Amino acid sequence: MCKELSPNETKSKLMGITGHTTLAALEKYLRDIDAELPSDYSEFLQPSSDNKN
């Protein structure tokens, strides 16, 4: 959804889905559930020697 809409449009749409009545409440909720994903840093990770795939 957020690739097609601006951040404000996305939050407005989410407010209707989640039932939050204020933007501040929605933003707090999104922070609490870690909805914002960090950048992908997987290229800096090394495989664990414990993996036996």
N, C-alpha and C. Protein backbone atom coordinates (compact mmCIF):
# COMPACT_ATOMS: atom_id res chain seq x y z
N MET A 1 0.83 -1.20 0.00
CA MET A 1 0.00 0.00 0.00
C MET A 1 0.87 1.25 0.00
N CYS A 2 1.94 1.31 0.81
CA CYS A 2 2.69 2.55 0.92
C CYS A 2 3.56 2.83 -0.30
N LYS A 3 3.71 1.89 -1.22
CA LYS A 3 4.47 2.16 -2.44
C LYS A 3 3.63 2.97 -3.42
N GLU A 4 2.31 2.90 -3.28
CA GLU A 4 1.41 3.59 -4.20
C GLU A 4 0.90 4.91 -3.64
N LEU A 5 0.94 5.07 -2.32
CA LEU A 5 0.39 6.25 -1.67
C LEU A 5 1.48 7.02 -0.94
N SER A 6 1.22 8.30 -0.69
CA SER A 6 2.15 9.09 0.12
C SER A 6 2.05 8.61 1.57
N PRO A 7 3.03 8.94 2.42
CA PRO A 7 2.97 8.53 3.82
C PRO A 7 1.68 9.00 4.51
N ASN A 8 1.25 10.23 4.23
CA ASN A 8 0.03 10.73 4.86
C ASN A 8 -1.21 9.99 4.37
N GLU A 9 -1.26 9.68 3.08
CA GLU A 9 -2.39 8.92 2.54
C GLU A 9 -2.43 7.51 3.13
N THR A 10 -1.25 6.92 3.28
CA THR A 10 -1.17 5.58 3.86
C THR A 10 -1.68 5.59 5.30
N LYS A 11 -1.23 6.57 6.08
CA LYS A 11 -1.67 6.66 7.48
C LYS A 11 -3.16 6.92 7.57
N SER A 12 -3.67 7.75 6.69
CA SER A 12 -5.11 8.03 6.68
C SER A 12 -5.90 6.75 6.40
N LYS A 13 -5.43 5.97 5.45
CA LYS A 13 -6.09 4.71 5.11
C LYS A 13 -5.99 3.72 6.28
N LEU A 14 -4.82 3.66 6.92
CA LEU A 14 -4.64 2.77 8.06
C LEU A 14 -5.53 3.15 9.23
N MET A 15 -5.76 4.44 9.43
CA MET A 15 -6.64 4.88 10.52
C MET A 15 -8.03 4.29 10.36
N GLY A 16 -8.51 4.21 9.13
CA GLY A 16 -9.82 3.61 8.88
C GLY A 16 -9.83 2.11 9.15
N ILE A 17 -8.69 1.47 8.93
CA ILE A 17 -8.59 0.03 9.13
C ILE A 17 -8.42 -0.31 10.61
N THR A 18 -7.55 0.43 11.29
CA THR A 18 -7.24 0.11 12.69
C THR A 18 -8.24 0.70 13.67
N GLY A 19 -8.97 1.72 13.26
CA GLY A 19 -9.94 2.34 14.15
C GLY A 19 -9.37 3.46 15.00
N HIS A 20 -8.12 3.84 14.78
CA HIS A 20 -7.54 4.96 15.53
C HIS A 20 -8.22 6.25 15.09
N THR A 21 -8.45 7.13 16.05
CA THR A 21 -9.15 8.39 15.73
C THR A 21 -8.20 9.56 15.58
N THR A 22 -6.95 9.41 16.00
CA THR A 22 -5.98 10.49 15.82
C THR A 22 -4.71 9.94 15.16
N LEU A 23 -4.03 10.80 14.45
CA LEU A 23 -2.78 10.42 13.81
C LEU A 23 -1.73 10.07 14.86
N ALA A 24 -1.71 10.81 15.97
CA ALA A 24 -0.74 10.54 17.04
C ALA A 24 -0.93 9.13 17.60
N ALA A 25 -2.17 8.72 17.80
CA ALA A 25 -2.45 7.38 18.33
C ALA A 25 -2.00 6.31 17.34
N LEU A 26 -2.27 6.53 16.06
CA LEU A 26 -1.85 5.58 15.03
C LEU A 26 -0.33 5.47 14.99
N GLU A 27 0.37 6.61 15.02
CA GLU A 27 1.83 6.59 14.97
C GLU A 27 2.41 5.88 16.18
N LYS A 28 1.83 6.09 17.36
CA LYS A 28 2.30 5.39 18.57
C LYS A 28 2.09 3.89 18.41
N TYR A 29 0.94 3.49 17.89
CA TYR A 29 0.65 2.09 17.66
C TYR A 29 1.65 1.49 16.67
N LEU A 30 1.93 2.18 15.59
CA LEU A 30 2.88 1.68 14.60
C LEU A 30 4.28 1.52 15.20
N ARG A 31 4.67 2.45 16.07
CA ARG A 31 5.96 2.33 16.75
C ARG A 31 5.96 1.13 17.68
N ASP A 32 4.86 0.96 18.43
CA ASP A 32 4.76 -0.13 19.40
C ASP A 32 4.88 -1.50 18.75
N ILE A 33 4.38 -1.64 17.55
CA ILE A 33 4.43 -2.94 16.88
C ILE A 33 5.59 -3.02 15.88
N ASP A 34 6.46 -2.03 15.91
CA ASP A 34 7.62 -1.99 14.99
C ASP A 34 7.20 -2.12 13.54
N ALA A 35 6.20 -1.36 13.15
CA ALA A 35 5.68 -1.44 11.79
C ALA A 35 6.64 -0.87 10.77
N GLU A 36 7.50 0.04 11.16
CA GLU A 36 8.48 0.59 10.24
C GLU A 36 9.67 -0.36 10.18
N LEU A 37 9.89 -0.95 9.04
CA LEU A 37 10.99 -1.88 8.90
C LEU A 37 12.29 -1.13 8.62
N PRO A 38 13.37 -1.56 9.24
CA PRO A 38 14.65 -0.91 8.98
C PRO A 38 15.15 -1.26 7.58
N SER A 39 16.16 -0.55 7.15
CA SER A 39 16.79 -0.86 5.86
C SER A 39 17.37 -2.27 5.92
N ASP A 40 17.54 -2.87 4.76
CA ASP A 40 18.08 -4.22 4.68
C ASP A 40 19.60 -4.18 4.82
N TYR A 41 20.09 -4.73 5.92
CA TYR A 41 21.53 -4.79 6.16
C TYR A 41 22.04 -6.22 6.04
N SER A 42 21.28 -7.09 5.40
CA SER A 42 21.64 -8.51 5.35
C SER A 42 22.97 -8.75 4.63
N GLU A 43 23.36 -7.85 3.76
CA GLU A 43 24.63 -8.03 3.06
C GLU A 43 25.82 -7.97 4.02
N PHE A 44 25.63 -7.39 5.21
CA PHE A 44 26.70 -7.27 6.18
C PHE A 44 26.74 -8.43 7.17
N LEU A 45 25.76 -9.33 7.09
CA LEU A 45 25.69 -10.45 8.02
C LEU A 45 26.44 -11.64 7.48
N GLN A 46 27.04 -12.40 8.39
CA GLN A 46 27.72 -13.61 8.00
C GLN A 46 26.88 -14.80 8.43
N PRO A 47 26.86 -15.86 7.64
CA PRO A 47 26.08 -17.04 8.02
C PRO A 47 26.62 -17.63 9.33
N SER A 48 25.72 -18.11 10.14
CA SER A 48 26.08 -18.73 11.40
C SER A 48 26.65 -20.12 11.15
N SER A 49 27.64 -20.52 11.92
CA SER A 49 28.20 -21.88 11.78
C SER A 49 27.25 -22.91 12.33
N ASP A 50 26.20 -22.46 13.06
CA ASP A 50 25.20 -23.36 13.62
C ASP A 50 24.21 -23.84 12.58
N ASN A 51 24.10 -23.14 11.43
CA ASN A 51 23.15 -23.55 10.38
C ASN A 51 23.64 -24.83 9.73
N LYS A 52 22.78 -25.80 9.67
CA LYS A 52 23.15 -27.08 9.05
C LYS A 52 22.22 -27.38 7.90
N ASN A 53 22.09 -26.42 6.98
CA ASN A 53 21.21 -26.58 5.82
C ASN A 53 21.86 -27.37 4.74
